[in-house]
Amino acid sequence: MVYYIERLANPSSHSMAHIIQNKKKLLARISRIRGQINGVEKAVNEERECGEVLLTLAACRGAINALMAEILEGHVRLHLLDAESQKDSDRAVAAEELIEVIKRYLK
């Protein structure tokens, strides 16, 4: 807990490194999600069948969940695990298990 509070008080230059490192890829995902959301709006405006709207919404949810899983994985690896120093520790194993649970839950 002290580590977390200290990092909040003194954020380092790598506080968003995992996001900045994958910025282009993440922005491409966000752009696709935006397009899907626009598709939902268009389908509603054009009074399309509810099944079509629901399928588009399900696709949006899947895309948002995948984006969340990717950002959460980077967060766990960088901010909680510190992968460079503890690759074989119990903490590293627990972090990998957490990442896998999150990915499966968000599918």
PDB file of N, CA and C in Angstrom:
ATOM      1  N   MET A   1       0.823  -1.186   0.000  1.00  0.00           N
ATOM      2  CA  MET A   1       0.000   0.000   0.000  1.00  0.00           C
ATOM      3  C   MET A   1       0.870   1.253   0.000  1.00  0.00           C
ATOM      4  N   VAL A   2       1.940   1.246   0.777  1.00  0.00           N
ATOM      5  CA  VAL A   2       2.844   2.394   0.826  1.00  0.00           C
ATOM      6  C   VAL A   2       3.423   2.652  -0.551  1.00  0.00           C
ATOM      7  N   TYR A   3       3.793   1.568  -1.272  1.00  0.00           N
ATOM      8  CA  TYR A   3       4.340   1.698  -2.622  1.00  0.00           C
ATOM      9  C   TYR A   3       3.337   2.409  -3.525  1.00  0.00           C
ATOM     10  N   TYR A   4       2.090   2.023  -3.443  1.00  0.00           N
ATOM     11  CA  TYR A   4       1.051   2.612  -4.285  1.00  0.00           C
ATOM     12  C   TYR A   4       0.875   4.091  -3.967  1.00  0.00           C
ATOM     13  N   ILE A   5       0.804   4.432  -2.700  1.00  0.00           N
ATOM     14  CA  ILE A   5       0.638   5.826  -2.284  1.00  0.00           C
ATOM     15  C   ILE A   5       1.844   6.648  -2.726  1.00  0.00           C
ATOM     16  N   GLU A   6       3.039   6.080  -2.582  1.00  0.00           N
ATOM     17  CA  GLU A   6       4.246   6.779  -3.001  1.00  0.00           C
ATOM     18  C   GLU A   6       4.212   7.048  -4.503  1.00  0.00           C
ATOM     19  N   ARG A   7       3.763   6.087  -5.286  1.00  0.00           N
ATOM     20  CA  ARG A   7       3.693   6.271  -6.741  1.00  0.00           C
ATOM     21  C   ARG A   7       2.658   7.318  -7.110  1.00  0.00           C
ATOM     22  N   LEU A   8       1.573   7.415  -6.350  1.00  0.00           N
ATOM     23  CA  LEU A   8       0.588   8.450  -6.618  1.00  0.00           C
ATOM     24  C   LEU A   8       1.149   9.836  -6.317  1.00  0.00           C
ATOM     25  N   ALA A   9       1.910   9.921  -5.240  1.00  0.00           N
ATOM     26  CA  ALA A   9       2.493  11.201  -4.853  1.00  0.00           C
ATOM     27  C   ALA A   9       3.629  11.622  -5.767  1.00  0.00           C
ATOM     28  N   ASN A  10       4.364  10.655  -6.300  1.00  0.00           N
ATOM     29  CA  ASN A  10       5.526  10.934  -7.147  1.00  0.00           C
ATOM     30  C   ASN A  10       5.448  10.117  -8.435  1.00  0.00           C
ATOM     31  N   PRO A  11       4.518  10.462  -9.327  1.00  0.00           N
ATOM     32  CA  PRO A  11       4.404   9.668 -10.551  1.00  0.00           C
ATOM     33  C   PRO A  11       5.668   9.779 -11.380  1.00  0.00           C
ATOM     34  N   SER A  12       6.106   8.655 -11.917  1.00  0.00           N
ATOM     35  CA  SER A  12       7.326   8.637 -12.712  1.00  0.00           C
ATOM     36  C   SER A  12       7.000   8.810 -14.180  1.00  0.00           C
ATOM     37  N   SER A  13       8.008   8.924 -14.990  1.00  0.00           N
ATOM     38  CA  SER A  13       7.812   9.119 -16.416  1.00  0.00           C
ATOM     39  C   SER A  13       7.230   7.877 -17.084  1.00  0.00           C
ATOM     40  N   HIS A  14       7.316   6.715 -16.419  1.00  0.00           N
ATOM     41  CA  HIS A  14       6.759   5.497 -17.028  1.00  0.00           C
ATOM     42  C   HIS A  14       5.372   5.152 -16.486  1.00  0.00           C
ATOM     43  N   SER A  15       4.693   6.131 -15.892  1.00  0.00           N
ATOM     44  CA  SER A  15       3.394   5.836 -15.298  1.00  0.00           C
ATOM     45  C   SER A  15       2.359   5.389 -16.325  1.00  0.00           C
ATOM     46  N   MET A  16       2.517   5.807 -17.573  1.00  0.00           N
ATOM     47  CA  MET A  16       1.612   5.365 -18.633  1.00  0.00           C
ATOM     48  C   MET A  16       2.395   4.686 -19.749  1.00  0.00           C
ATOM     49  N   ALA A  17       3.556   4.167 -19.438  1.00  0.00           N
ATOM     50  CA  ALA A  17       4.439   3.618 -20.465  1.00  0.00           C
ATOM     51  C   ALA A  17       3.774   2.538 -21.294  1.00  0.00           C
ATOM     52  N   HIS A  18       3.010   1.662 -20.669  1.00  0.00           N
ATOM     53  CA  HIS A  18       2.376   0.578 -21.420  1.00  0.00           C
ATOM     54  C   HIS A  18       1.319   1.104 -22.378  1.00  0.00           C
ATOM     55  N   ILE A  19       0.707   2.226 -22.063  1.00  0.00           N
ATOM     56  CA  ILE A  19      -0.271   2.826 -22.971  1.00  0.00           C
ATOM     57  C   ILE A  19       0.446   3.583 -24.083  1.00  0.00           C
ATOM     58  N   ILE A  20       1.454   4.350 -23.716  1.00  0.00           N
ATOM     59  CA  ILE A  20       2.202   5.124 -24.703  1.00  0.00           C
ATOM     60  C   ILE A  20       2.905   4.195 -25.686  1.00  0.00           C
ATOM     61  N   GLN A  21       3.461   3.108 -25.176  1.00  0.00           N
ATOM     62  CA  GLN A  21       4.178   2.147 -26.010  1.00  0.00           C
ATOM     63  C   GLN A  21       3.263   1.542 -27.079  1.00  0.00           C
ATOM     64  N   ASN A  22       2.003   1.317 -26.747  1.00  0.00           N
ATOM     65  CA  ASN A  22       1.044   0.706 -27.667  1.00  0.00           C
ATOM     66  C   ASN A  22       0.018   1.715 -28.171  1.00  0.00           C
ATOM     67  N   LYS A  23       0.355   2.984 -28.110  1.00  0.00           N
ATOM     68  CA  LYS A  23      -0.605   4.043 -28.411  1.00  0.00           C
ATOM     69  C   LYS A  23      -1.252   3.882 -29.786  1.00  0.00           C
ATOM     70  N   LYS A  24      -0.464   3.629 -30.820  1.00  0.00           N
ATOM     71  CA  LYS A  24      -1.001   3.517 -32.173  1.00  0.00           C
ATOM     72  C   LYS A  24      -2.009   2.373 -32.268  1.00  0.00           C
ATOM     73  N   LYS A  25      -1.662   1.235 -31.687  1.00  0.00           N
ATOM     74  CA  LYS A  25      -2.532   0.069 -31.702  1.00  0.00           C
ATOM     75  C   LYS A  25      -3.821   0.329 -30.910  1.00  0.00           C
ATOM     76  N   LEU A  26      -3.683   0.955 -29.742  1.00  0.00           N
ATOM     77  CA  LEU A  26      -4.857   1.243 -28.920  1.00  0.00           C
ATOM     78  C   LEU A  26      -5.778   2.243 -29.605  1.00  0.00           C
ATOM     79  N   LEU A  27      -5.195   3.271 -30.220  1.00  0.00           N
ATOM     80  CA  LEU A  27      -6.012   4.260 -30.912  1.00  0.00           C
ATOM     81  C   LEU A  27      -6.738   3.639 -32.100  1.00  0.00           C
ATOM     82  N   ALA A  28      -6.114   2.679 -32.764  1.00  0.00           N
ATOM     83  CA  ALA A  28      -6.782   1.979 -33.873  1.00  0.00           C
ATOM     84  C   ALA A  28      -7.981   1.188 -33.343  1.00  0.00           C
ATOM     85  N   ARG A  29      -7.811   0.536 -32.197  1.00  0.00           N
ATOM     86  CA  ARG A  29      -8.927  -0.195 -31.569  1.00  0.00           C
ATOM     87  C   ARG A  29     -10.065   0.761 -31.225  1.00  0.00           C
ATOM     88  N   ILE A  30      -9.698   1.891 -30.631  1.00  0.00           N
ATOM     89  CA  ILE A  30     -10.700   2.877 -30.228  1.00  0.00           C
ATOM     90  C   ILE A  30     -11.441   3.411 -31.447  1.00  0.00           C
ATOM     91  N   SER A  31     -10.724   3.622 -32.520  1.00  0.00           N
ATOM     92  CA  SER A  31     -11.348   4.097 -33.755  1.00  0.00           C
ATOM     93  C   SER A  31     -12.364   3.079 -34.286  1.00  0.00           C
ATOM     94  N   ARG A  32     -11.997   1.792 -34.232  1.00  0.00           N
ATOM     95  CA  ARG A  32     -12.940   0.749 -34.668  1.00  0.00           C
ATOM     96  C   ARG A  32     -14.167   0.706 -33.759  1.00  0.00           C
ATOM     97  N   ILE A  33     -13.957   0.875 -32.465  1.00  0.00           N
ATOM     98  CA  ILE A  33     -15.081   0.897 -31.522  1.00  0.00           C
ATOM     99  C   ILE A  33     -15.991   2.080 -31.833  1.00  0.00           C
ATOM    100  N   ARG A  34     -15.391   3.228 -32.091  1.00  0.00           N
ATOM    101  CA  ARG A  34     -16.175   4.416 -32.440  1.00  0.00           C
ATOM    102  C   ARG A  34     -17.026   4.133 -33.688  1.00  0.00           C
ATOM    103  N   GLY A  35     -16.434   3.470 -34.668  1.00  0.00           N
ATOM    104  CA  GLY A  35     -17.181   3.118 -35.875  1.00  0.00           C
ATOM    105  C   GLY A  35     -18.347   2.186 -35.573  1.00  0.00           C
ATOM    106  N   GLN A  36     -18.121   1.237 -34.671  1.00  0.00           N
ATOM    107  CA  GLN A  36     -19.202   0.319 -34.296  1.00  0.00           C
ATOM    108  C   GLN A  36     -20.323   1.059 -33.572  1.00  0.00           C
ATOM    109  N   ILE A  37     -19.964   1.968 -32.682  1.00  0.00           N
ATOM    110  CA  ILE A  37     -20.966   2.765 -31.962  1.00  0.00           C
ATOM    111  C   ILE A  37     -21.761   3.622 -32.946  1.00  0.00           C
ATOM    112  N   ASN A  38     -21.053   4.209 -33.911  1.00  0.00           N
ATOM    113  CA  ASN A  38     -21.747   4.982 -34.947  1.00  0.00           C
ATOM    114  C   ASN A  38     -22.701   4.090 -35.731  1.00  0.00           C
ATOM    115  N   GLY A  39     -22.306   2.833 -35.939  1.00  0.00           N
ATOM    116  CA  GLY A  39     -23.174   1.880 -36.619  1.00  0.00           C
ATOM    117  C   GLY A  39     -24.448   1.603 -35.835  1.00  0.00           C
ATOM    118  N   VAL A  40     -24.336   1.539 -34.514  1.00  0.00           N
ATOM    119  CA  VAL A  40     -25.526   1.354 -33.670  1.00  0.00           C
ATOM    120  C   VAL A  40     -26.449   2.554 -33.813  1.00  0.00           C
ATOM    121  N   GLU A  41     -25.876   3.743 -33.744  1.00  0.00           N
ATOM    122  CA  GLU A  41     -26.683   4.958 -33.873  1.00  0.00           C
ATOM    123  C   GLU A  41     -27.388   4.995 -35.234  1.00  0.00           C
ATOM    124  N   LYS A  42     -26.657   4.663 -36.275  1.00  0.00           N
ATOM    125  CA  LYS A  42     -27.221   4.669 -37.621  1.00  0.00           C
ATOM    126  C   LYS A  42     -28.355   3.640 -37.741  1.00  0.00           C
ATOM    127  N   ALA A  43     -28.132   2.458 -37.187  1.00  0.00           N
ATOM    128  CA  ALA A  43     -29.161   1.414 -37.248  1.00  0.00           C
ATOM    129  C   ALA A  43     -30.432   1.848 -36.526  1.00  0.00           C
ATOM    130  N   VAL A  44     -30.287   2.519 -35.388  1.00  0.00           N
ATOM    131  CA  VAL A  44     -31.459   2.996 -34.648  1.00  0.00           C
ATOM    132  C   VAL A  44     -32.147   4.110 -35.431  1.00  0.00           C
ATOM    133  N   ASN A  45     -31.362   5.049 -35.956  1.00  0.00           N
ATOM    134  CA  ASN A  45     -31.937   6.138 -36.748  1.00  0.00           C
ATOM    135  C   ASN A  45     -32.691   5.625 -37.968  1.00  0.00           C
ATOM    136  N   GLU A  46     -32.175   4.579 -38.570  1.00  0.00           N
ATOM    137  CA  GLU A  46     -32.805   4.017 -39.764  1.00  0.00           C
ATOM    138  C   GLU A  46     -33.873   2.973 -39.427  1.00  0.00           C
ATOM    139  N   GLU A  47     -34.137   2.800 -38.134  1.00  0.00           N
ATOM    140  CA  GLU A  47     -35.170   1.888 -37.640  1.00  0.00           C
ATOM    141  C   GLU A  47     -34.983   0.465 -38.163  1.00  0.00           C
ATOM    142  N   ARG A  48     -33.742   0.005 -38.096  1.00  0.00           N
ATOM    143  CA  ARG A  48     -33.438  -1.363 -38.529  1.00  0.00           C
ATOM    144  C   ARG A  48     -33.948  -2.368 -37.501  1.00  0.00           C
ATOM    145  N   GLU A  49     -33.926  -3.619 -37.892  1.00  0.00           N
ATOM    146  CA  GLU A  49     -34.399  -4.698 -37.022  1.00  0.00           C
ATOM    147  C   GLU A  49     -33.610  -4.707 -35.704  1.00  0.00           C
ATOM    148  N   CYS A  50     -34.300  -5.031 -34.625  1.00  0.00           N
ATOM    149  CA  CYS A  50     -33.645  -5.037 -33.318  1.00  0.00           C
ATOM    150  C   CYS A  50     -32.527  -6.075 -33.256  1.00  0.00           C
ATOM    151  N   GLY A  51     -32.676  -7.181 -33.968  1.00  0.00           N
ATOM    152  CA  GLY A  51     -31.625  -8.195 -33.992  1.00  0.00           C
ATOM    153  C   GLY A  51     -30.322  -7.648 -34.537  1.00  0.00           C
ATOM    154  N   GLU A  52     -30.405  -6.835 -35.573  1.00  0.00           N
ATOM    155  CA  GLU A  52     -29.214  -6.210 -36.149  1.00  0.00           C
ATOM    156  C   GLU A  52     -28.566  -5.251 -35.156  1.00  0.00           C
ATOM    157  N   VAL A  53     -29.397  -4.482 -34.466  1.00  0.00           N
ATOM    158  CA  VAL A  53     -28.885  -3.555 -33.458  1.00  0.00           C
ATOM    159  C   VAL A  53     -28.204  -4.331 -32.331  1.00  0.00           C
ATOM    160  N   LEU A  54     -28.829  -5.402 -31.892  1.00  0.00           N
ATOM    161  CA  LEU A  54     -28.266  -6.203 -30.801  1.00  0.00           C
ATOM    162  C   LEU A  54     -26.938  -6.842 -31.196  1.00  0.00           C
ATOM    163  N   LEU A  55     -26.849  -7.332 -32.412  1.00  0.00           N
ATOM    164  CA  LEU A  55     -25.589  -7.922 -32.877  1.00  0.00           C
ATOM    165  C   LEU A  55     -24.474  -6.881 -32.918  1.00  0.00           C
ATOM    166  N   THR A  56     -24.800  -5.677 -33.358  1.00  0.00           N
ATOM    167  CA  THR A  56     -23.803  -4.606 -33.398  1.00  0.00           C
ATOM    168  C   THR A  56     -23.386  -4.215 -31.983  1.00  0.00           C
ATOM    169  N   LEU A  57     -24.353  -4.161 -31.078  1.00  0.00           N
ATOM    170  CA  LEU A  57     -24.022  -3.864 -29.671  1.00  0.00           C
ATOM    171  C   LEU A  57     -23.125  -4.944 -29.068  1.00  0.00           C
ATOM    172  N   ALA A  58     -23.397  -6.191 -29.391  1.00  0.00           N
ATOM    173  CA  ALA A  58     -22.555  -7.284 -28.890  1.00  0.00           C
ATOM    174  C   ALA A  58     -21.137  -7.153 -29.419  1.00  0.00           C
ATOM    175  N   ALA A  59     -20.995  -6.764 -30.667  1.00  0.00           N
ATOM    176  CA  ALA A  59     -19.664  -6.548 -31.240  1.00  0.00           C
ATOM    177  C   ALA A  59     -18.954  -5.400 -30.530  1.00  0.00           C
ATOM    178  N   CYS A  60     -19.693  -4.341 -30.226  1.00  0.00           N
ATOM    179  CA  CYS A  60     -19.121  -3.202 -29.487  1.00  0.00           C
ATOM    180  C   CYS A  60     -18.624  -3.646 -28.115  1.00  0.00           C
ATOM    181  N   ARG A  61     -19.443  -4.414 -27.438  1.00  0.00           N
ATOM    182  CA  ARG A  61     -19.066  -4.900 -26.099  1.00  0.00           C
ATOM    183  C   ARG A  61     -17.804  -5.742 -26.167  1.00  0.00           C
ATOM    184  N   GLY A  62     -17.731  -6.633 -27.149  1.00  0.00           N
ATOM    185  CA  GLY A  62     -16.541  -7.461 -27.303  1.00  0.00           C
ATOM    186  C   GLY A  62     -15.304  -6.626 -27.560  1.00  0.00           C
ATOM    187  N   ALA A  63     -15.441  -5.615 -28.397  1.00  0.00           N
ATOM    188  CA  ALA A  63     -14.301  -4.756 -28.717  1.00  0.00           C
ATOM    189  C   ALA A  63     -13.856  -3.942 -27.500  1.00  0.00           C
ATOM    190  N   ILE A  64     -14.801  -3.434 -26.745  1.00  0.00           N
ATOM    191  CA  ILE A  64     -14.467  -2.674 -25.532  1.00  0.00           C
ATOM    192  C   ILE A  64     -13.821  -3.587 -24.498  1.00  0.00           C
ATOM    193  N   ASN A  65     -14.344  -4.791 -24.346  1.00  0.00           N
ATOM    194  CA  ASN A  65     -13.751  -5.739 -23.400  1.00  0.00           C
ATOM    195  C   ASN A  65     -12.322  -6.103 -23.799  1.00  0.00           C
ATOM    196  N   ALA A  66     -12.072  -6.275 -25.085  1.00  0.00           N
ATOM    197  CA  ALA A  66     -10.713  -6.587 -25.541  1.00  0.00           C
ATOM    198  C   ALA A  66      -9.771  -5.428 -25.270  1.00  0.00           C
ATOM    199  N   LEU A  67     -10.243  -4.209 -25.484  1.00  0.00           N
ATOM    200  CA  LEU A  67      -9.438  -3.021 -25.179  1.00  0.00           C
ATOM    201  C   LEU A  67      -9.137  -2.961 -23.688  1.00  0.00           C
ATOM    202  N   MET A  68     -10.143  -3.194 -22.865  1.00  0.00           N
ATOM    203  CA  MET A  68      -9.945  -3.179 -21.421  1.00  0.00           C
ATOM    204  C   MET A  68      -8.953  -4.255 -20.990  1.00  0.00           C
ATOM    205  N   ALA A  69      -9.066  -5.449 -21.545  1.00  0.00           N
ATOM    206  CA  ALA A  69      -8.155  -6.540 -21.183  1.00  0.00           C
ATOM    207  C   ALA A  69      -6.715  -6.173 -21.536  1.00  0.00           C
ATOM    208  N   GLU A  70      -6.522  -5.569 -22.692  1.00  0.00           N
ATOM    209  CA  GLU A  70      -5.170  -5.199 -23.113  1.00  0.00           C
ATOM    210  C   GLU A  70      -4.567  -4.144 -22.191  1.00  0.00           C
ATOM    211  N   ILE A  71      -5.343  -3.135 -21.841  1.00  0.00           N
ATOM    212  CA  ILE A  71      -4.837  -2.079 -20.952  1.00  0.00           C
ATOM    213  C   ILE A  71      -4.630  -2.616 -19.545  1.00  0.00           C
ATOM    214  N   LEU A  72      -5.543  -3.461 -19.064  1.00  0.00           N
ATOM    215  CA  LEU A  72      -5.376  -4.057 -17.731  1.00  0.00           C
ATOM    216  C   LEU A  72      -4.128  -4.937 -17.667  1.00  0.00           C
ATOM    217  N   GLU A  73      -3.887  -5.704 -18.715  1.00  0.00           N
ATOM    218  CA  GLU A  73      -2.701  -6.553 -18.733  1.00  0.00           C
ATOM    219  C   GLU A  73      -1.432  -5.708 -18.628  1.00  0.00           C
ATOM    220  N   GLY A  74      -1.365  -4.648 -19.403  1.00  0.00           N
ATOM    221  CA  GLY A  74      -0.207  -3.764 -19.328  1.00  0.00           C
ATOM    222  C   GLY A  74      -0.064  -3.136 -17.956  1.00  0.00           C
ATOM    223  N   HIS A  75      -1.178  -2.758 -17.369  1.00  0.00           N
ATOM    224  CA  HIS A  75      -1.165  -2.161 -16.034  1.00  0.00           C
ATOM    225  C   HIS A  75      -0.622  -3.137 -14.995  1.00  0.00           C
ATOM    226  N   VAL A  76      -1.127  -4.365 -15.032  1.00  0.00           N
ATOM    227  CA  VAL A  76      -0.671  -5.376 -14.073  1.00  0.00           C
ATOM    228  C   VAL A  76       0.824  -5.628 -14.248  1.00  0.00           C
ATOM    229  N   ARG A  77       1.243  -5.806 -15.492  1.00  0.00           N
ATOM    230  CA  ARG A  77       2.657  -6.100 -15.746  1.00  0.00           C
ATOM    231  C   ARG A  77       3.577  -4.960 -15.317  1.00  0.00           C
ATOM    232  N   LEU A  78       3.199  -3.721 -15.593  1.00  0.00           N
ATOM    233  CA  LEU A  78       4.084  -2.596 -15.306  1.00  0.00           C
ATOM    234  C   LEU A  78       3.976  -2.092 -13.880  1.00  0.00           C
ATOM    235  N   HIS A  79       2.748  -1.912 -13.399  1.00  0.00           N
ATOM    236  CA  HIS A  79       2.561  -1.249 -12.111  1.00  0.00           C
ATOM    237  C   HIS A  79       2.472  -2.194 -10.921  1.00  0.00           C
ATOM    238  N   LEU A  80       2.020  -3.418 -11.144  1.00  0.00           N
ATOM    239  CA  LEU A  80       1.870  -4.346 -10.033  1.00  0.00           C
ATOM    240  C   LEU A  80       2.961  -5.403  -9.994  1.00  0.00           C
ATOM    241  N   LEU A  81       3.368  -5.865 -11.161  1.00  0.00           N
ATOM    242  CA  LEU A  81       4.301  -6.979 -11.229  1.00  0.00           C
ATOM    243  C   LEU A  81       5.747  -6.531 -11.282  1.00  0.00           C
ATOM    244  N   ASP A  82       6.029  -5.455 -12.006  1.00  0.00           N
ATOM    245  CA  ASP A  82       7.404  -5.022 -12.261  1.00  0.00           C
ATOM    246  C   ASP A  82       8.175  -6.196 -12.848  1.00  0.00           C
ATOM    247  N   ALA A  83       7.773  -6.591 -14.037  1.00  0.00           N
ATOM    248  CA  ALA A  83       8.216  -7.823 -14.693  1.00  0.00           C
ATOM    249  C   ALA A  83       9.730  -7.991 -14.774  1.00  0.00           C
ATOM    250  N   GLU A  84      10.459  -6.934 -14.806  1.00  0.00           N
ATOM    251  CA  GLU A  84      11.909  -7.046 -14.949  1.00  0.00           C
ATOM    252  C   GLU A  84      12.579  -7.672 -13.726  1.00  0.00           C
ATOM    253  N   SER A  85      12.023  -7.478 -12.552  1.00  0.00           N
ATOM    254  CA  SER A  85      12.738  -7.897 -11.347  1.00  0.00           C
ATOM    255  C   SER A  85      12.219  -9.172 -10.690  1.00  0.00           C
ATOM    256  N   GLN A  86      11.048  -9.650 -11.051  1.00  0.00           N
ATOM    257  CA  GLN A  86      10.456 -10.762 -10.305  1.00  0.00           C
ATOM    258  C   GLN A  86       9.815 -11.803 -11.211  1.00  0.00           C
ATOM    259  N   LYS A  87      10.481 -12.178 -12.273  1.00  0.00           N
ATOM    260  CA  LYS A  87       9.870 -13.047 -13.284  1.00  0.00           C
ATOM    261  C   LYS A  87       9.415 -14.404 -12.756  1.00  0.00           C
ATOM    262  N   ASP A  88      10.122 -14.989 -11.799  1.00  0.00           N
ATOM    263  CA  ASP A  88       9.788 -16.330 -11.318  1.00  0.00           C
ATOM    264  C   ASP A  88       9.197 -16.344  -9.910  1.00  0.00           C
ATOM    265  N   SER A  89       8.846 -15.202  -9.383  1.00  0.00           N
ATOM    266  CA  SER A  89       8.343 -15.143  -8.020  1.00  0.00           C
ATOM    267  C   SER A  89       6.887 -15.589  -7.933  1.00  0.00           C
ATOM    268  N   ASP A  90       6.442 -15.825  -6.715  1.00  0.00           N
ATOM    269  CA  ASP A  90       5.034 -16.162  -6.489  1.00  0.00           C
ATOM    270  C   ASP A  90       4.143 -15.024  -6.963  1.00  0.00           C
ATOM    271  N   ARG A  91       4.617 -13.803  -6.785  1.00  0.00           N
ATOM    272  CA  ARG A  91       3.863 -12.625  -7.218  1.00  0.00           C
ATOM    273  C   ARG A  91       3.694 -12.630  -8.745  1.00  0.00           C
ATOM    274  N   ALA A  92       4.735 -13.014  -9.457  1.00  0.00           N
ATOM    275  CA  ALA A  92       4.675 -13.059 -10.917  1.00  0.00           C
ATOM    276  C   ALA A  92       3.670 -14.121 -11.373  1.00  0.00           C
ATOM    277  N   VAL A  93       3.690 -15.264 -10.720  1.00  0.00           N
ATOM    278  CA  VAL A  93       2.747 -16.343 -11.053  1.00  0.00           C
ATOM    279  C   VAL A  93       1.318 -15.876 -10.790  1.00  0.00           C
ATOM    280  N   ALA A  94       1.100 -15.234  -9.650  1.00  0.00           N
ATOM    281  CA  ALA A  94      -0.235 -14.732  -9.317  1.00  0.00           C
ATOM    282  C   ALA A  94      -0.687 -13.677 -10.321  1.00  0.00           C
ATOM    283  N   ALA A  95       0.219 -12.820 -10.747  1.00  0.00           N
ATOM    284  CA  ALA A  95      -0.122 -11.790 -11.734  1.00  0.00           C
ATOM    285  C   ALA A  95      -0.514 -12.420 -13.060  1.00  0.00           C
ATOM    286  N   GLU A  96       0.218 -13.444 -13.489  1.00  0.00           N
ATOM    287  CA  GLU A  96      -0.123 -14.132 -14.736  1.00  0.00           C
ATOM    288  C   GLU A  96      -1.489 -14.793 -14.635  1.00  0.00           C
ATOM    289  N   GLU A  97      -1.788 -15.382 -13.483  1.00  0.00           N
ATOM    290  CA  GLU A  97      -3.095 -15.991 -13.272  1.00  0.00           C
ATOM    291  C   GLU A  97      -4.196 -14.933 -13.326  1.00  0.00           C
ATOM    292  N   LEU A  98      -3.953 -13.786 -12.708  1.00  0.00           N
ATOM    293  CA  LEU A  98      -4.916 -12.690 -12.718  1.00  0.00           C
ATOM    294  C   LEU A  98      -5.164 -12.203 -14.142  1.00  0.00           C
ATOM    295  N   ILE A  99      -4.109 -12.037 -14.906  1.00  0.00           N
ATOM    296  CA  ILE A  99      -4.245 -11.604 -16.301  1.00  0.00           C
ATOM    297  C   ILE A  99      -5.098 -12.590 -17.086  1.00  0.00           C
ATOM    298  N   GLU A 100      -4.847 -13.872 -16.906  1.00  0.00           N
ATOM    299  CA  GLU A 100      -5.612 -14.894 -17.628  1.00  0.00           C
ATOM    300  C   GLU A 100      -7.081 -14.877 -17.212  1.00  0.00           C
ATOM    301  N   VAL A 101      -7.354 -14.722 -15.932  1.00  0.00           N
ATOM    302  CA  VAL A 101      -8.746 -14.659 -15.446  1.00  0.00           C
ATOM    303  C   VAL A 101      -9.452 -13.457 -16.051  1.00  0.00           C
ATOM    304  N   ILE A 102      -8.784 -12.316 -16.062  1.00  0.00           N
ATOM    305  CA  ILE A 102      -9.378 -11.101 -16.627  1.00  0.00           C
ATOM    306  C   ILE A 102      -9.703 -11.296 -18.106  1.00  0.00           C
ATOM    307  N   LYS A 103      -8.738 -11.851 -18.848  1.00  0.00           N
ATOM    308  CA  LYS A 103      -8.971 -12.069 -20.277  1.00  0.00           C
ATOM    309  C   LYS A 103     -10.165 -12.987 -20.518  1.00  0.00           C
ATOM    310  N   ARG A 104     -10.250 -14.070 -19.758  1.00  0.00           N
ATOM    311  CA  ARG A 104     -11.365 -15.018 -19.939  1.00  0.00           C
ATOM    312  C   ARG A 104     -12.689 -14.395 -19.537  1.00  0.00           C
ATOM    313  N   TYR A 105     -12.681 -13.605 -18.452  1.00  0.00           N
ATOM    314  CA  TYR A 105     -13.897 -12.971 -17.994  1.00  0.00           C
ATOM    315  C   TYR A 105     -14.429 -11.975 -19.012  1.00  0.00           C
ATOM    316  N   LEU A 106     -13.525 -11.245 -19.639  1.00  0.00           N
ATOM    317  CA  LEU A 106     -13.942 -10.190 -20.552  1.00  0.00           C
ATOM    318  C   LEU A 106     -14.273 -10.691 -21.950  1.00  0.00           C
ATOM    319  N   LYS A 107     -14.073 -11.978 -22.229  1.00  0.00           N
ATOM    320  CA  LYS A 107     -14.414 -12.508 -23.564  1.00  0.00           C
ATOM    321  C   LYS A 107     -15.885 -12.627 -23.742  1.00  0.00           C
TER     322      LYS A 107
END
